[in-house]
Amino acid sequence: MTITTVIFDFGGVITASPFEAFNRLEEERGLPRDFVRRVNAANPDDNAWAKFERAEIDAAAFDSLFASEARALGHELEGEAVLAVIAGAVRPDMVKALDTLKAKGLRIACITNNVPGGKGVKGAGMTRSNEAATVVARIMARFEHVIESSKAGVRKPDPRIYLMMCEKLGVEPSECVYLDDLGINCKPAAALGMHAIKVTSGEQALADLSAALGVGLP
């Protein structure tokens, strides 16, 4: 089936990976590298991060629950510190690619795991300033539809969130390319029939997307 739609993750695709910021935080705090990922990988469907992305807890509860989970793994780290660094820098070439895709008649959409606003977190991109939130809002406005886990009450890699997008757009999964920086989120998309691209850098993502679509991208 002809590809008509490109569905993007936001953090780690449109913006630089938050894991880079987590690694800097770990270095500053004297924590083992990838410690934040270890905390988030423990009990991944029902830990602090999962609950927050489904809006089942607020920022204050996340702060203390994440700290408890970190402590159980042998180190002190509060959830607020993680939230403070999560928003990555926008990749300008990815934003240009959105405009190119639209100009060529392709539909674009976004599925993002994020957390509810409040306690310094602003907007879908989980930024910390009004200026950055405005930039993210302008990017989000380019998408035909956006699904945020914190509003939908379901998060990737749950297959339901991908099917929600397909239903909203009126497309079959086989008509879609899906881009995400996490392999665990690409797997259900591929299982549903989407052409999944795991993003490791902006350059690689654009090259793979260009090849999949047969469209030149910046």
C-alpha atoms as a PDB file:
ATOM      1  CA  MET A   1       0.000   0.000   0.000  1.00  0.00           C
ATOM      2  CA  THR A   2       1.200   3.524  -0.787  1.00  0.00           C
ATOM      3  CA  ILE A   3       2.549   5.489   2.170  1.00  0.00           C
ATOM      4  CA  THR A   4       0.392   8.537   2.805  1.00  0.00           C
ATOM      5  CA  THR A   5       1.254   9.445   6.391  1.00  0.00           C
ATOM      6  CA  VAL A   6       4.342  10.007   8.527  1.00  0.00           C
ATOM      7  CA  ILE A   7       3.908   9.780  12.298  1.00  0.00           C
ATOM      8  CA  PHE A   8       6.622  11.260  14.495  1.00  0.00           C
ATOM      9  CA  ASP A   9       7.606  10.841  18.103  1.00  0.00           C
ATOM     10  CA  PHE A  10       8.625  14.238  19.523  1.00  0.00           C
ATOM     11  CA  GLY A  11      11.390  13.967  22.121  1.00  0.00           C
ATOM     12  CA  GLY A  12      14.455  12.311  20.593  1.00  0.00           C
ATOM     13  CA  VAL A  13      13.136  12.785  17.051  1.00  0.00           C
ATOM     14  CA  ILE A  14      12.037  16.387  16.505  1.00  0.00           C
ATOM     15  CA  THR A  15      14.273  17.331  19.429  1.00  0.00           C
ATOM     16  CA  ALA A  16      17.585  15.925  20.609  1.00  0.00           C
ATOM     17  CA  SER A  17      17.371  12.853  22.809  1.00  0.00           C
ATOM     18  CA  PRO A  18      16.550  13.518  26.474  1.00  0.00           C
ATOM     19  CA  PHE A  19      18.949  10.699  27.341  1.00  0.00           C
ATOM     20  CA  GLU A  20      21.828  13.041  26.528  1.00  0.00           C
ATOM     21  CA  ALA A  21      20.520  15.431  29.182  1.00  0.00           C
ATOM     22  CA  PHE A  22      20.019  12.566  31.614  1.00  0.00           C
ATOM     23  CA  ASN A  23      23.655  11.540  31.143  1.00  0.00           C
ATOM     24  CA  ARG A  24      24.805  15.090  31.917  1.00  0.00           C
ATOM     25  CA  LEU A  25      22.650  15.105  35.043  1.00  0.00           C
ATOM     26  CA  GLU A  26      24.095  11.757  36.119  1.00  0.00           C
ATOM     27  CA  GLU A  27      27.622  13.063  35.656  1.00  0.00           C
ATOM     28  CA  GLU A  28      26.847  16.196  37.673  1.00  0.00           C
ATOM     29  CA  ARG A  29      25.375  14.119  40.504  1.00  0.00           C
ATOM     30  CA  GLY A  30      28.091  11.449  40.472  1.00  0.00           C
ATOM     31  CA  LEU A  31      25.598   8.771  39.445  1.00  0.00           C
ATOM     32  CA  PRO A  32      26.288   5.754  37.208  1.00  0.00           C
ATOM     33  CA  ARG A  33      25.801   6.482  33.514  1.00  0.00           C
ATOM     34  CA  ASP A  34      22.275   5.631  32.314  1.00  0.00           C
ATOM     35  CA  PHE A  35      20.986   5.428  35.883  1.00  0.00           C
ATOM     36  CA  VAL A  36      17.795   7.309  34.945  1.00  0.00           C
ATOM     37  CA  ARG A  37      17.151   4.752  32.215  1.00  0.00           C
ATOM     38  CA  ARG A  38      17.652   1.951  34.769  1.00  0.00           C
ATOM     39  CA  VAL A  39      15.046   3.499  37.055  1.00  0.00           C
ATOM     40  CA  ASN A  40      12.600   3.915  34.178  1.00  0.00           C
ATOM     41  CA  ALA A  41      13.214   0.364  32.958  1.00  0.00           C
ATOM     42  CA  ALA A  42      12.297  -1.157  36.325  1.00  0.00           C
ATOM     43  CA  ASN A  43       8.597  -2.094  36.399  1.00  0.00           C
ATOM     44  CA  PRO A  44       8.171  -0.118  33.133  1.00  0.00           C
ATOM     45  CA  ASP A  45       4.386  -0.324  32.888  1.00  0.00           C
ATOM     46  CA  ASP A  46       3.622   0.780  36.445  1.00  0.00           C
ATOM     47  CA  ASN A  47       6.548   2.857  37.709  1.00  0.00           C
ATOM     48  CA  ALA A  48       6.558   6.585  38.453  1.00  0.00           C
ATOM     49  CA  TRP A  49       7.357   7.529  34.878  1.00  0.00           C
ATOM     50  CA  ALA A  50       4.603   5.337  33.391  1.00  0.00           C
ATOM     51  CA  LYS A  51       2.026   6.655  35.844  1.00  0.00           C
ATOM     52  CA  PHE A  52       3.016  10.267  35.204  1.00  0.00           C
ATOM     53  CA  GLU A  53       2.867   9.875  31.416  1.00  0.00           C
ATOM     54  CA  ARG A  54      -0.658   8.491  31.782  1.00  0.00           C
ATOM     55  CA  ALA A  55      -1.532  11.419  34.082  1.00  0.00           C
ATOM     56  CA  GLU A  56      -2.346   9.048  36.938  1.00  0.00           C
ATOM     57  CA  ILE A  57      -0.183  11.071  39.352  1.00  0.00           C
ATOM     58  CA  ASP A  58       0.814  14.744  39.562  1.00  0.00           C
ATOM     59  CA  ALA A  59       4.306  16.270  39.537  1.00  0.00           C
ATOM     60  CA  ALA A  60       4.650  16.237  43.323  1.00  0.00           C
ATOM     61  CA  ALA A  61       3.805  12.533  43.496  1.00  0.00           C
ATOM     62  CA  PHE A  62       6.196  11.813  40.625  1.00  0.00           C
ATOM     63  CA  ASP A  63       8.968  13.684  42.425  1.00  0.00           C
ATOM     64  CA  SER A  64       8.726  11.527  45.540  1.00  0.00           C
ATOM     65  CA  LEU A  65       7.856   8.229  43.841  1.00  0.00           C
ATOM     66  CA  PHE A  66      10.770   8.507  41.407  1.00  0.00           C
ATOM     67  CA  ALA A  67      13.079   9.327  44.338  1.00  0.00           C
ATOM     68  CA  SER A  68      11.897   6.166  46.119  1.00  0.00           C
ATOM     69  CA  GLU A  69      12.539   4.065  43.027  1.00  0.00           C
ATOM     70  CA  ALA A  70      16.016   5.574  42.618  1.00  0.00           C
ATOM     71  CA  ARG A  71      16.754   4.934  46.289  1.00  0.00           C
ATOM     72  CA  ALA A  72      15.714   1.293  45.862  1.00  0.00           C
ATOM     73  CA  LEU A  73      18.420   1.014  43.193  1.00  0.00           C
ATOM     74  CA  GLY A  74      21.016   2.476  45.541  1.00  0.00           C
ATOM     75  CA  HIS A  75      21.185   6.189  44.714  1.00  0.00           C
ATOM     76  CA  GLU A  76      19.505   9.468  45.582  1.00  0.00           C
ATOM     77  CA  LEU A  77      17.797  11.352  42.734  1.00  0.00           C
ATOM     78  CA  GLU A  78      14.551  13.296  42.935  1.00  0.00           C
ATOM     79  CA  GLY A  79      12.034  13.286  40.112  1.00  0.00           C
ATOM     80  CA  GLU A  80      12.037  17.082  39.876  1.00  0.00           C
ATOM     81  CA  ALA A  81      15.694  17.029  38.798  1.00  0.00           C
ATOM     82  CA  VAL A  82      14.830  14.706  35.918  1.00  0.00           C
ATOM     83  CA  LEU A  83      11.938  16.895  34.793  1.00  0.00           C
ATOM     84  CA  ALA A  84      14.179  19.944  34.882  1.00  0.00           C
ATOM     85  CA  VAL A  85      16.405  18.617  32.085  1.00  0.00           C
ATOM     86  CA  ILE A  86      14.046  16.539  29.968  1.00  0.00           C
ATOM     87  CA  ALA A  87      13.289  18.950  27.131  1.00  0.00           C
ATOM     88  CA  GLY A  88      15.834  18.554  24.327  1.00  0.00           C
ATOM     89  CA  ALA A  89      16.930  21.153  21.794  1.00  0.00           C
ATOM     90  CA  VAL A  90      14.886  21.361  18.603  1.00  0.00           C
ATOM     91  CA  ARG A  91      16.497  19.859  15.488  1.00  0.00           C
ATOM     92  CA  PRO A  92      15.924  22.534  12.798  1.00  0.00           C
ATOM     93  CA  ASP A  93      16.350  20.104   9.889  1.00  0.00           C
ATOM     94  CA  MET A  94      13.587  17.902  11.275  1.00  0.00           C
ATOM     95  CA  VAL A  95      11.260  20.899  11.396  1.00  0.00           C
ATOM     96  CA  LYS A  96      12.178  21.745   7.787  1.00  0.00           C
ATOM     97  CA  ALA A  97      11.400  18.142   6.865  1.00  0.00           C
ATOM     98  CA  LEU A  98       7.893  18.516   8.305  1.00  0.00           C
ATOM     99  CA  ASP A  99       7.269  21.440   5.973  1.00  0.00           C
ATOM    100  CA  THR A 100       8.726  19.548   3.005  1.00  0.00           C
ATOM    101  CA  LEU A 101       6.528  16.524   3.656  1.00  0.00           C
ATOM    102  CA  LYS A 102       3.416  18.667   3.864  1.00  0.00           C
ATOM    103  CA  ALA A 103       4.357  20.516   0.674  1.00  0.00           C
ATOM    104  CA  LYS A 104       4.645  17.162  -1.107  1.00  0.00           C
ATOM    105  CA  GLY A 105       1.153  16.169  -0.018  1.00  0.00           C
ATOM    106  CA  LEU A 106       2.031  13.756   2.764  1.00  0.00           C
ATOM    107  CA  ARG A 107       0.085  13.823   6.018  1.00  0.00           C
ATOM    108  CA  ILE A 108       2.053  14.265   9.237  1.00  0.00           C
ATOM    109  CA  ALA A 109       1.086  13.501  12.828  1.00  0.00           C
ATOM    110  CA  CYS A 110       2.711  13.080  16.237  1.00  0.00           C
ATOM    111  CA  ILE A 111       2.418  10.554  19.057  1.00  0.00           C
ATOM    112  CA  THR A 112       4.325  11.627  22.149  1.00  0.00           C
ATOM    113  CA  ASN A 113       4.707  10.195  25.614  1.00  0.00           C
ATOM    114  CA  ASN A 114       4.734  13.246  27.868  1.00  0.00           C
ATOM    115  CA  VAL A 115       3.645  14.387  31.308  1.00  0.00           C
ATOM    116  CA  PRO A 116       0.947  16.775  32.521  1.00  0.00           C
ATOM    117  CA  GLY A 117       1.819  20.459  32.731  1.00  0.00           C
ATOM    118  CA  GLY A 118       2.468  22.187  36.020  1.00  0.00           C
ATOM    119  CA  LYS A 119       5.399  22.593  38.429  1.00  0.00           C
ATOM    120  CA  GLY A 120       7.483  24.264  35.725  1.00  0.00           C
ATOM    121  CA  VAL A 121       6.563  21.873  32.918  1.00  0.00           C
ATOM    122  CA  LYS A 122       5.050  23.758  29.990  1.00  0.00           C
ATOM    123  CA  GLY A 123       3.235  22.312  26.998  1.00  0.00           C
ATOM    124  CA  ALA A 124       3.526  19.140  24.942  1.00  0.00           C
ATOM    125  CA  GLY A 125       7.319  19.350  24.701  1.00  0.00           C
ATOM    126  CA  MET A 126       7.745  19.434  28.502  1.00  0.00           C
ATOM    127  CA  THR A 127       9.788  22.631  28.286  1.00  0.00           C
ATOM    128  CA  ARG A 128      10.689  24.862  31.236  1.00  0.00           C
ATOM    129  CA  SER A 129      10.230  28.329  29.725  1.00  0.00           C
ATOM    130  CA  ASN A 130       7.427  30.197  27.987  1.00  0.00           C
ATOM    131  CA  GLU A 131       9.707  30.947  25.037  1.00  0.00           C
ATOM    132  CA  ALA A 132      10.577  27.291  24.489  1.00  0.00           C
ATOM    133  CA  ALA A 133       6.939  26.293  24.935  1.00  0.00           C
ATOM    134  CA  THR A 134       5.982  28.746  22.184  1.00  0.00           C
ATOM    135  CA  VAL A 135       8.543  27.212  19.820  1.00  0.00           C
ATOM    136  CA  VAL A 136       7.192  23.726  20.522  1.00  0.00           C
ATOM    137  CA  ALA A 137       3.599  24.885  20.052  1.00  0.00           C
ATOM    138  CA  ARG A 138       4.474  26.245  16.612  1.00  0.00           C
ATOM    139  CA  ILE A 139       5.985  22.895  15.660  1.00  0.00           C
ATOM    140  CA  MET A 140       2.996  20.972  17.003  1.00  0.00           C
ATOM    141  CA  ALA A 141       0.672  23.178  14.942  1.00  0.00           C
ATOM    142  CA  ARG A 142       2.193  21.686  11.793  1.00  0.00           C
ATOM    143  CA  PHE A 143       0.791  18.239  12.585  1.00  0.00           C
ATOM    144  CA  GLU A 144      -2.631  17.207  11.402  1.00  0.00           C
ATOM    145  CA  HIS A 145      -3.188  15.494  14.733  1.00  0.00           C
ATOM    146  CA  VAL A 146      -1.213  15.068  17.970  1.00  0.00           C
ATOM    147  CA  ILE A 147      -1.773  12.397  20.612  1.00  0.00           C
ATOM    148  CA  GLU A 148      -0.198  13.101  24.010  1.00  0.00           C
ATOM    149  CA  SER A 149      -0.041  10.213  26.471  1.00  0.00           C
ATOM    150  CA  SER A 150      -0.811  12.537  29.380  1.00  0.00           C
ATOM    151  CA  LYS A 151      -4.117  13.488  27.741  1.00  0.00           C
ATOM    152  CA  ALA A 152      -5.010  10.150  26.143  1.00  0.00           C
ATOM    153  CA  GLY A 153      -4.380   8.117  29.303  1.00  0.00           C
ATOM    154  CA  VAL A 154      -2.413   5.537  27.307  1.00  0.00           C
ATOM    155  CA  ARG A 155       1.287   5.553  26.435  1.00  0.00           C
ATOM    156  CA  LYS A 156       3.680   3.929  24.009  1.00  0.00           C
ATOM    157  CA  PRO A 157       4.452   1.063  23.577  1.00  0.00           C
ATOM    158  CA  ASP A 158       0.767   0.172  24.126  1.00  0.00           C
ATOM    159  CA  PRO A 159      -0.512  -0.673  20.606  1.00  0.00           C
ATOM    160  CA  ARG A 160      -3.753   1.148  21.336  1.00  0.00           C
ATOM    161  CA  ILE A 161      -2.123   4.548  21.006  1.00  0.00           C
ATOM    162  CA  TYR A 162      -0.962   3.808  17.437  1.00  0.00           C
ATOM    163  CA  LEU A 163      -4.402   2.503  16.500  1.00  0.00           C
ATOM    164  CA  MET A 164      -5.973   5.618  18.021  1.00  0.00           C
ATOM    165  CA  MET A 165      -3.931   7.716  15.612  1.00  0.00           C
ATOM    166  CA  CYS A 166      -4.833   5.573  12.606  1.00  0.00           C
ATOM    167  CA  GLU A 167      -8.525   5.793  13.523  1.00  0.00           C
ATOM    168  CA  LYS A 168      -8.314   9.554  13.981  1.00  0.00           C
ATOM    169  CA  LEU A 169      -6.659  10.008  10.574  1.00  0.00           C
ATOM    170  CA  GLY A 170      -8.716   7.357   8.810  1.00  0.00           C
ATOM    171  CA  VAL A 171      -5.652   5.458   7.568  1.00  0.00           C
ATOM    172  CA  GLU A 172      -4.391   1.883   7.733  1.00  0.00           C
ATOM    173  CA  PRO A 173      -1.146   1.194   9.623  1.00  0.00           C
ATOM    174  CA  SER A 174       0.410  -0.002   6.358  1.00  0.00           C
ATOM    175  CA  GLU A 175      -0.001   3.523   4.969  1.00  0.00           C
ATOM    176  CA  CYS A 176       2.201   4.959   7.716  1.00  0.00           C
ATOM    177  CA  VAL A 177       5.856   5.505   8.488  1.00  0.00           C
ATOM    178  CA  TYR A 178       6.566   5.795  12.216  1.00  0.00           C
ATOM    179  CA  LEU A 179       9.720   7.357  13.716  1.00  0.00           C
ATOM    180  CA  ASP A 180      10.836   6.953  17.347  1.00  0.00           C
ATOM    181  CA  ASP A 181      14.155   7.003  19.167  1.00  0.00           C
ATOM    182  CA  LEU A 182      13.206   3.972  21.279  1.00  0.00           C
ATOM    183  CA  GLY A 183      13.184   0.514  19.761  1.00  0.00           C
ATOM    184  CA  ILE A 184      10.575  -0.620  22.283  1.00  0.00           C
ATOM    185  CA  ASN A 185       8.184   1.947  20.775  1.00  0.00           C
ATOM    186  CA  CYS A 186       9.034   1.027  17.181  1.00  0.00           C
ATOM    187  CA  LYS A 187       8.258  -2.679  17.671  1.00  0.00           C
ATOM    188  CA  PRO A 188       4.463  -2.382  18.141  1.00  0.00           C
ATOM    189  CA  ALA A 189       4.256   0.078  15.250  1.00  0.00           C
ATOM    190  CA  ALA A 190       6.036  -2.431  13.006  1.00  0.00           C
ATOM    191  CA  ALA A 191       3.884  -5.288  14.306  1.00  0.00           C
ATOM    192  CA  LEU A 192       0.786  -3.339  13.283  1.00  0.00           C
ATOM    193  CA  GLY A 193       2.172  -2.952   9.760  1.00  0.00           C
ATOM    194  CA  MET A 194       3.794   0.485   9.895  1.00  0.00           C
ATOM    195  CA  HIS A 195       7.222   1.112   8.395  1.00  0.00           C
ATOM    196  CA  ALA A 196       9.115   1.821  11.614  1.00  0.00           C
ATOM    197  CA  ILE A 197      12.336   3.846  11.742  1.00  0.00           C
ATOM    198  CA  LYS A 198      14.445   3.851  14.901  1.00  0.00           C
ATOM    199  CA  VAL A 199      16.058   7.262  15.235  1.00  0.00           C
ATOM    200  CA  THR A 200      19.645   7.511  16.428  1.00  0.00           C
ATOM    201  CA  SER A 201      20.374  10.969  14.994  1.00  0.00           C
ATOM    202  CA  GLY A 202      18.634  13.636  12.973  1.00  0.00           C
ATOM    203  CA  GLU A 203      20.787  12.904   9.909  1.00  0.00           C
ATOM    204  CA  GLN A 204      20.095   9.161  10.040  1.00  0.00           C
ATOM    205  CA  ALA A 205      16.368   9.718  10.537  1.00  0.00           C
ATOM    206  CA  LEU A 206      16.099  11.980   7.511  1.00  0.00           C
ATOM    207  CA  ALA A 207      18.149   9.624   5.344  1.00  0.00           C
ATOM    208  CA  ASP A 208      16.026   6.607   6.298  1.00  0.00           C
ATOM    209  CA  LEU A 209      12.778   8.540   5.912  1.00  0.00           C
ATOM    210  CA  SER A 210      13.855   9.851   2.510  1.00  0.00           C
ATOM    211  CA  ALA A 211      14.641   6.316   1.378  1.00  0.00           C
ATOM    212  CA  ALA A 212      11.329   4.953   2.656  1.00  0.00           C
ATOM    213  CA  LEU A 213       9.299   7.644   0.910  1.00  0.00           C
ATOM    214  CA  GLY A 214      11.407   8.227  -2.187  1.00  0.00           C
ATOM    215  CA  VAL A 215      11.317  11.929  -1.306  1.00  0.00           C
ATOM    216  CA  GLY A 216      14.293  14.275  -1.012  1.00  0.00           C
ATOM    217  CA  LEU A 217      14.554  15.824   2.456  1.00  0.00           C
ATOM    218  CA  PRO A 218      16.862  18.549   3.830  1.00  0.00           C
END
